[in-house]
Amino acid sequence: MSFLHPEFIFWMTPFVGILFYFWFTQKRHNEHHFSLEALEKLRVNGSTLGDDGRNGFFLGASLLIILALAQPAVQHERIVDAPETILIAMDISNHSLVEFEAMKKRAMALIDEIEGAVELVGYDSKVYRIAPASEDKNTLKELIANLSPQIMNSSISDEKLLRNVCKTSNIIVVSGNKTIDRGIVEKLRKPKEHWVYLPLFYFPLALAMLFIAIALSSMSKRQSVSMTMVTMIFMGVSDGRAGVMDFRLLEDAKRAYSHGQYEQSTRLFGEYRLLHDSPQARYNYANALFKAGHFEKARYWYERVDTNDSRLKEWVRINKGQLPVKKREKAEKKSEITIKKENKKGQNLIEIGNGTPLFIY
């Protein structure tokens, strides 16, 4: 077996190796907060593959696709082509009679060495056809033998013009004072051969598709993609789980919050957080819980807004400081305090409701 395009392997394999190296060695999001020992104790044993196993299948599929692009093939049939027509060009510019006769003898001897059709031309400052392509060696030699010295009537020998007019590379020039290149003769008289290859690229490609199917089917139910959902995507129909229309859910949650419908806002922000869990989504969910009077739940989510944004940290600290400690009456009084803070250009926060800001995405 051989590869018709091995350059795909040489150029693409290192990049795929580097990509999957970082893919395998990157830390998961939860590994920043828990040790591997703790995660192993919390992990539920299931029938699905782990991340490393799934990534291994993706790596194998990538390498198999590269092999398919390199076009593996085996030699199937050897084809021997008939020898191509060889053109013998005789220099008929002014030479001595001795050189002219020697040139004719070399041309006739050359015809006996060549297998296949031979074409004869003469050239000086122009190109003249002596005989068309023919395999009748005796007739060709007879034509050469009967050439008269009177055809030598020009002192110019234009070999460049010869090659431009004949439009072929299978030319052997015979001249009165020029030695024939035997290497060119052997190369031209040798029959051409080539192989017909049987392609094998569909084997690694089919195996790669199988690896991808196994890796995708090994995902948990929460991450699985149904065929109905895939069909809807290709048909142009959006699905709520795909996140295409989630901005409407977020807008409805903000609208309910701004109109004082805090219970509805809590429910909508909670649904959005399940779809797009982020520090901003947790912060908005905590704000809605705060306004709805679910103070302990609000405190729980305020404490889980893990962010490096200094402005968001400041708003979490301010809102968390308003949560009640003992009496509900005290909490209700504090919740009515309006936080007046100038919204500078470039900030991502706006004030909605009674002083509890929402984060703008």
Protein backbone atom coordinates (compact mmCIF):
# COMPACT_ATOMS: atom_id res chain seq x y z
CA MET A 1 0.00 0.00 0.00
CA SER A 2 1.13 3.54 -0.73
CA PHE A 3 -0.23 7.06 -0.32
CA LEU A 4 -0.87 9.19 -3.40
CA HIS A 5 -0.71 12.41 -1.33
CA PRO A 6 1.47 11.77 1.76
CA GLU A 7 1.94 15.51 2.27
CA PHE A 8 -1.39 15.58 4.12
CA ILE A 9 0.08 13.32 6.79
CA PHE A 10 3.30 15.33 7.12
CA TRP A 11 1.59 18.73 7.38
CA MET A 12 -1.66 18.03 9.23
CA THR A 13 -0.71 15.40 11.83
CA PRO A 14 1.54 17.72 13.95
CA PHE A 15 -1.18 20.37 14.18
CA VAL A 16 -3.80 17.79 15.19
CA GLY A 17 -1.39 16.42 17.80
CA ILE A 18 -0.84 19.88 19.30
CA LEU A 19 -4.58 20.59 19.34
CA PHE A 20 -5.47 17.37 21.15
CA TYR A 21 -2.55 17.77 23.55
CA PHE A 22 -4.10 20.97 24.87
CA TRP A 23 -7.54 19.38 24.70
CA PHE A 24 -6.46 16.43 26.88
CA THR A 25 -4.43 18.47 29.35
CA GLN A 26 -6.81 21.39 29.95
CA LYS A 27 -8.50 21.52 33.34
CA ARG A 28 -12.26 21.23 33.46
CA HIS A 29 -14.27 24.06 34.97
CA ASN A 30 -15.10 22.14 38.15
CA GLU A 31 -11.45 21.14 38.65
CA HIS A 32 -10.67 24.75 39.52
CA HIS A 33 -12.85 24.43 42.63
CA PHE A 34 -12.56 20.75 43.65
CA SER A 35 -9.72 18.26 43.79
CA LEU A 36 -9.69 15.21 41.53
CA GLU A 37 -10.20 12.94 44.58
CA ALA A 38 -13.35 14.79 45.55
CA LEU A 39 -14.69 14.70 42.00
CA GLU A 40 -14.10 10.94 41.79
CA LYS A 41 -16.13 10.42 44.97
CA LEU A 42 -18.97 12.60 43.67
CA ARG A 43 -19.01 11.13 40.17
CA VAL A 44 -21.84 8.71 39.44
CA ASN A 45 -20.80 5.58 37.58
CA GLY A 46 -22.66 5.33 34.29
CA SER A 47 -22.52 3.66 30.94
CA THR A 48 -21.23 6.75 29.15
CA LEU A 49 -17.61 7.35 28.25
CA GLY A 50 -15.56 9.83 30.19
CA ASP A 51 -14.15 13.00 28.66
CA ASP A 52 -10.79 11.35 27.95
CA GLY A 53 -12.40 8.35 26.28
CA ARG A 54 -14.61 10.53 24.13
CA ASN A 55 -11.70 12.79 23.19
CA GLY A 56 -9.71 9.66 22.32
CA PHE A 57 -12.37 8.66 19.80
CA PHE A 58 -12.33 12.18 18.32
CA LEU A 59 -8.51 12.00 18.05
CA GLY A 60 -8.70 8.65 16.30
CA ALA A 61 -11.35 9.97 13.91
CA SER A 62 -9.19 13.01 13.09
CA LEU A 63 -6.16 10.85 12.29
CA LEU A 64 -8.26 8.52 10.15
CA ILE A 65 -9.65 11.46 8.17
CA ILE A 66 -6.08 12.65 7.55
CA LEU A 67 -5.21 9.16 6.26
CA ALA A 68 -8.24 9.29 3.95
CA LEU A 69 -7.11 12.67 2.61
CA ALA A 70 -3.66 11.17 1.90
CA GLN A 71 -5.48 8.69 -0.44
CA PRO A 72 -4.13 5.24 0.43
CA ALA A 73 -4.09 2.90 -2.58
CA VAL A 74 -2.67 -0.38 -3.79
CA GLN A 75 -1.27 -1.16 -7.23
CA HIS A 76 -4.03 -2.90 -9.13
CA GLU A 77 -2.94 -3.27 -12.77
CA ARG A 78 0.20 -2.54 -14.74
CA ILE A 79 -0.39 -0.78 -18.06
CA VAL A 80 2.31 -0.81 -20.76
CA ASP A 81 1.73 1.84 -23.38
CA ALA A 82 2.91 1.49 -26.94
CA PRO A 83 6.06 3.52 -27.71
CA GLU A 84 5.30 7.06 -28.70
CA THR A 85 6.08 8.33 -32.18
CA ILE A 86 9.67 9.50 -32.39
CA LEU A 87 10.65 12.31 -34.71
CA ILE A 88 14.06 12.10 -36.40
CA ALA A 89 15.17 15.56 -37.50
CA MET A 90 18.00 15.71 -40.05
CA ASP A 91 20.09 18.85 -40.34
CA ILE A 92 20.11 19.61 -44.09
CA SER A 93 21.97 22.91 -43.92
CA ASN A 94 25.22 23.25 -45.87
CA HIS A 95 27.65 20.41 -45.03
CA SER A 96 30.34 18.58 -46.92
CA LEU A 97 29.30 15.54 -48.96
CA VAL A 98 31.12 13.24 -46.55
CA GLU A 99 29.24 14.66 -43.57
CA PHE A 100 25.96 14.50 -45.47
CA GLU A 101 26.39 10.80 -46.30
CA ALA A 102 27.50 10.02 -42.74
CA MET A 103 24.39 11.76 -41.42
CA LYS A 104 22.13 9.62 -43.65
CA LYS A 105 23.82 6.42 -42.45
CA ARG A 106 23.37 7.41 -38.78
CA ALA A 107 19.70 8.21 -39.40
CA MET A 108 19.06 4.82 -41.08
CA ALA A 109 20.84 2.97 -38.27
CA LEU A 110 18.75 4.89 -35.75
CA ILE A 111 15.52 3.78 -37.42
CA ASP A 112 16.49 0.13 -36.88
CA GLU A 113 16.93 0.77 -33.14
CA ILE A 114 13.53 2.40 -32.61
CA GLU A 115 10.39 0.42 -31.91
CA GLY A 116 7.12 1.93 -33.02
CA ALA A 117 6.32 4.72 -35.46
CA VAL A 118 8.98 7.13 -36.76
CA GLU A 119 8.49 10.49 -38.42
CA LEU A 120 11.16 12.12 -40.62
CA VAL A 121 11.77 15.85 -41.09
CA GLY A 122 14.61 17.97 -42.37
CA TYR A 123 15.46 21.46 -41.21
CA ASP A 124 17.75 24.38 -41.95
CA SER A 125 16.25 27.88 -41.72
CA LYS A 126 12.87 26.18 -42.23
CA VAL A 127 11.33 22.81 -41.41
CA TYR A 128 10.48 20.24 -44.14
CA ARG A 129 8.56 16.99 -43.78
CA ILE A 130 10.29 14.04 -45.41
CA ALA A 131 7.88 11.30 -44.26
CA PRO A 132 4.85 11.18 -41.94
CA ALA A 133 4.76 8.84 -38.95
CA SER A 134 5.15 5.24 -40.11
CA GLU A 135 6.29 1.85 -38.87
CA ASP A 136 7.48 0.79 -42.32
CA LYS A 137 11.19 0.93 -41.55
CA ASN A 138 12.35 -0.14 -45.00
CA THR A 139 10.43 2.64 -46.77
CA LEU A 140 11.74 5.22 -44.30
CA LYS A 141 15.33 4.11 -44.84
CA GLU A 142 14.81 4.14 -48.60
CA LEU A 143 13.61 7.75 -48.45
CA ILE A 144 16.70 8.73 -46.47
CA ALA A 145 19.03 6.90 -48.84
CA ASN A 146 17.57 8.74 -51.85
CA LEU A 147 18.03 12.22 -50.37
CA SER A 148 20.11 14.32 -52.79
CA PRO A 149 22.91 16.65 -51.64
CA GLN A 150 21.14 19.37 -53.65
CA ILE A 151 18.68 19.86 -50.78
CA MET A 152 21.49 21.59 -48.86
CA ASN A 153 20.87 25.19 -49.93
CA SER A 154 21.05 27.16 -46.66
CA SER A 155 23.85 27.89 -44.24
CA ILE A 156 21.44 28.40 -41.31
CA SER A 157 20.63 25.55 -38.93
CA ASP A 158 17.79 26.73 -36.64
CA GLU A 159 17.16 23.96 -34.08
CA LYS A 160 15.03 26.29 -31.93
CA LEU A 161 12.64 26.81 -34.84
CA LEU A 162 12.50 23.02 -35.29
CA ARG A 163 11.27 22.46 -31.70
CA ASN A 164 8.77 25.33 -31.93
CA VAL A 165 7.25 23.99 -35.15
CA CYS A 166 7.14 20.29 -34.22
CA LYS A 167 5.57 20.84 -30.75
CA THR A 168 6.94 17.61 -29.30
CA SER A 169 9.73 16.58 -26.98
CA ASN A 170 10.34 13.22 -28.68
CA ILE A 171 12.92 14.64 -31.09
CA ILE A 172 16.27 13.10 -31.99
CA VAL A 173 18.46 15.49 -33.95
CA VAL A 174 20.88 13.96 -36.48
CA SER A 175 23.49 16.35 -37.80
CA GLY A 176 26.60 16.02 -39.86
CA ASN A 177 28.92 17.14 -37.07
CA LYS A 178 26.83 16.38 -34.00
CA THR A 179 27.02 13.17 -31.97
CA ILE A 180 23.69 11.54 -31.12
CA ASP A 181 22.88 11.49 -27.38
CA ARG A 182 22.45 7.77 -26.66
CA GLY A 183 20.75 8.52 -23.33
CA ILE A 184 17.93 10.35 -25.09
CA VAL A 185 17.62 7.51 -27.61
CA GLU A 186 17.32 4.87 -24.87
CA LYS A 187 14.78 6.95 -22.97
CA LEU A 188 12.58 7.51 -26.02
CA ARG A 189 12.69 3.97 -27.36
CA LYS A 190 11.72 2.46 -24.00
CA PRO A 191 7.97 1.65 -23.74
CA LYS A 192 6.08 3.77 -21.18
CA GLU A 193 4.36 2.00 -18.32
CA HIS A 194 2.13 3.05 -15.43
CA TRP A 195 -0.03 1.47 -12.76
CA VAL A 196 -3.76 1.66 -12.14
CA TYR A 197 -4.33 2.06 -8.37
CA LEU A 198 -7.21 0.69 -6.32
CA PRO A 199 -8.30 3.46 -3.88
CA LEU A 200 -8.69 2.56 -0.20
CA PHE A 201 -9.61 5.94 1.30
CA TYR A 202 -13.19 4.89 2.05
CA PHE A 203 -12.01 2.40 4.71
CA PRO A 204 -10.39 4.96 7.09
CA LEU A 205 -13.19 7.42 6.29
CA ALA A 206 -15.91 4.93 7.25
CA LEU A 207 -14.02 4.01 10.44
CA ALA A 208 -13.68 7.71 11.32
CA MET A 209 -17.44 8.18 10.94
CA LEU A 210 -17.98 5.20 13.26
CA PHE A 211 -15.64 6.70 15.88
CA ILE A 212 -17.50 10.02 15.72
CA ALA A 213 -20.85 8.25 16.10
CA ILE A 214 -19.59 6.35 19.17
CA ALA A 215 -18.17 9.52 20.72
CA LEU A 216 -21.39 11.48 20.19
CA SER A 217 -23.65 8.66 21.38
CA SER A 218 -21.58 8.33 24.58
CA MET A 219 -22.61 11.78 25.81
CA SER A 220 -24.98 11.99 28.74
CA LYS A 221 -28.70 12.48 28.24
CA ARG A 222 -28.39 16.11 29.23
CA GLN A 223 -26.02 16.66 26.30
CA SER A 224 -27.50 14.23 23.79
CA VAL A 225 -28.69 15.49 20.43
CA SER A 226 -31.80 13.79 19.09
CA MET A 227 -32.31 13.10 15.42
CA THR A 228 -35.47 15.25 15.54
CA MET A 229 -33.42 18.18 16.79
CA VAL A 230 -30.78 17.67 14.08
CA THR A 231 -33.51 17.49 11.44
CA MET A 232 -35.08 20.71 12.72
CA ILE A 233 -31.73 22.48 12.57
CA PHE A 234 -31.10 21.40 8.97
CA MET A 235 -34.71 22.27 8.04
CA GLY A 236 -34.20 25.76 9.41
CA VAL A 237 -36.51 25.33 12.43
CA SER A 238 -35.00 26.60 15.66
CA ASP A 239 -35.24 24.62 18.88
CA GLY A 240 -35.23 26.15 22.36
CA ARG A 241 -32.49 23.83 23.60
CA ALA A 242 -30.16 24.96 20.90
CA GLY A 243 -30.07 28.47 22.41
CA VAL A 244 -31.24 30.17 19.21
CA MET A 245 -34.26 31.88 20.84
CA ASP A 246 -32.91 32.14 24.41
CA PHE A 247 -32.67 35.90 24.11
CA ARG A 248 -36.47 36.02 24.26
CA LEU A 249 -36.42 34.18 27.56
CA LEU A 250 -33.91 36.70 28.90
CA GLU A 251 -35.98 39.66 27.66
CA ASP A 252 -39.14 38.25 29.27
CA ALA A 253 -37.28 37.83 32.55
CA LYS A 254 -36.02 41.44 32.45
CA ARG A 255 -39.49 42.73 31.56
CA ALA A 256 -41.11 40.85 34.46
CA TYR A 257 -38.42 42.17 36.79
CA SER A 258 -38.90 45.79 35.70
CA HIS A 259 -42.70 45.52 36.16
CA GLY A 260 -42.40 44.13 39.69
CA GLN A 261 -43.45 40.59 38.77
CA TYR A 262 -40.64 39.10 40.81
CA GLU A 263 -41.95 35.54 41.13
CA GLN A 264 -42.28 35.25 37.37
CA SER A 265 -38.90 36.91 36.93
CA THR A 266 -37.39 34.40 39.37
CA ARG A 267 -38.77 31.49 37.36
CA LEU A 268 -37.56 32.89 34.01
CA PHE A 269 -34.10 33.85 35.27
CA GLY A 270 -33.82 30.35 36.78
CA GLU A 271 -34.63 28.73 33.44
CA TYR A 272 -32.12 30.96 31.66
CA ARG A 273 -29.41 30.11 34.22
CA LEU A 274 -29.93 26.39 33.57
CA LEU A 275 -29.35 26.99 29.85
CA HIS A 276 -26.48 29.49 30.19
CA ASP A 277 -24.84 29.17 33.58
CA SER A 278 -22.48 32.11 34.12
CA PRO A 279 -21.61 34.61 36.88
CA GLN A 280 -23.92 37.18 35.26
CA ALA A 281 -26.83 34.72 35.02
CA ARG A 282 -26.36 33.73 38.70
CA TYR A 283 -26.26 37.39 39.72
CA ASN A 284 -29.52 38.20 37.92
CA TYR A 285 -31.16 35.08 39.38
CA ALA A 286 -30.07 36.14 42.88
CA ASN A 287 -31.47 39.64 42.31
CA ALA A 288 -34.84 38.19 41.30
CA LEU A 289 -34.87 35.92 44.34
CA PHE A 290 -34.01 38.93 46.53
CA LYS A 291 -36.93 40.93 45.16
CA ALA A 292 -39.30 37.96 45.49
CA GLY A 293 -38.46 37.65 49.18
CA HIS A 294 -36.46 34.41 48.95
CA PHE A 295 -33.57 35.84 50.91
CA GLU A 296 -31.72 32.64 51.83
CA LYS A 297 -31.78 31.41 48.24
CA ALA A 298 -30.62 34.84 47.10
CA ARG A 299 -27.73 34.71 49.56
CA TYR A 300 -26.86 31.23 48.27
CA TRP A 301 -26.59 32.43 44.66
CA TYR A 302 -24.84 35.69 45.54
CA GLU A 303 -22.08 33.63 47.17
CA ARG A 304 -21.71 31.58 43.97
CA VAL A 305 -21.12 34.50 41.63
CA ASP A 306 -17.51 33.59 40.88
CA THR A 307 -16.12 36.36 38.69
CA ASN A 308 -13.02 38.49 38.12
CA ASP A 309 -15.10 41.52 37.07
CA SER A 310 -14.47 44.14 39.78
CA ARG A 311 -17.70 45.99 39.03
CA LEU A 312 -19.81 42.84 39.30
CA LYS A 313 -18.06 41.94 42.55
CA GLU A 314 -18.94 45.38 43.95
CA TRP A 315 -22.63 45.03 43.08
CA VAL A 316 -22.72 41.55 44.64
CA ARG A 317 -21.19 42.95 47.82
CA ILE A 318 -23.70 45.83 47.98
CA ASN A 319 -26.77 43.68 47.32
CA LYS A 320 -25.63 40.92 49.64
CA GLY A 321 -25.17 43.53 52.36
CA GLN A 322 -28.87 44.42 52.08
CA LEU A 323 -30.04 40.90 52.84
CA PRO A 324 -31.81 40.57 56.24
CA VAL A 325 -29.99 39.05 59.14
CA LYS A 326 -32.73 38.78 61.82
CA LYS A 327 -36.12 40.31 61.17
CA ARG A 328 -38.07 40.36 57.94
CA GLU A 329 -39.32 43.89 58.63
CA LYS A 330 -35.76 45.13 58.76
CA ALA A 331 -35.04 43.38 55.49
CA GLU A 332 -38.08 44.88 53.78
CA LYS A 333 -37.01 48.33 54.90
CA LYS A 334 -33.49 47.81 53.56
CA SER A 335 -34.79 46.45 50.28
CA GLU A 336 -36.50 49.77 49.58
CA ILE A 337 -33.18 51.66 49.69
CA THR A 338 -32.30 52.89 46.24
CA ILE A 339 -28.68 52.52 45.28
CA LYS A 340 -27.73 55.67 43.48
CA LYS A 341 -24.59 55.24 41.54
CA GLU A 342 -23.62 57.01 38.34
CA ASN A 343 -23.48 54.64 35.40
CA LYS A 344 -20.28 55.65 33.66
CA LYS A 345 -19.75 55.16 29.94
CA GLY A 346 -18.65 51.63 29.16
CA GLN A 347 -20.22 50.01 32.28
CA ASN A 348 -22.34 46.91 31.78
CA LEU A 349 -24.83 47.63 34.64
CA ILE A 350 -28.20 49.38 34.67
CA GLU A 351 -30.64 49.96 37.55
CA ILE A 352 -34.04 48.32 37.30
CA GLY A 353 -36.66 48.22 40.05
CA ASN A 354 -35.91 49.50 43.53
CA GLY A 355 -32.16 49.80 43.38
CA THR A 356 -31.13 46.22 42.56
CA PRO A 357 -29.26 46.31 39.23
CA LEU A 358 -29.36 43.69 36.49
CA PHE A 359 -26.39 42.74 34.37
CA ILE A 360 -26.65 43.56 30.64
CA TYR A 361 -25.36 40.75 28.39
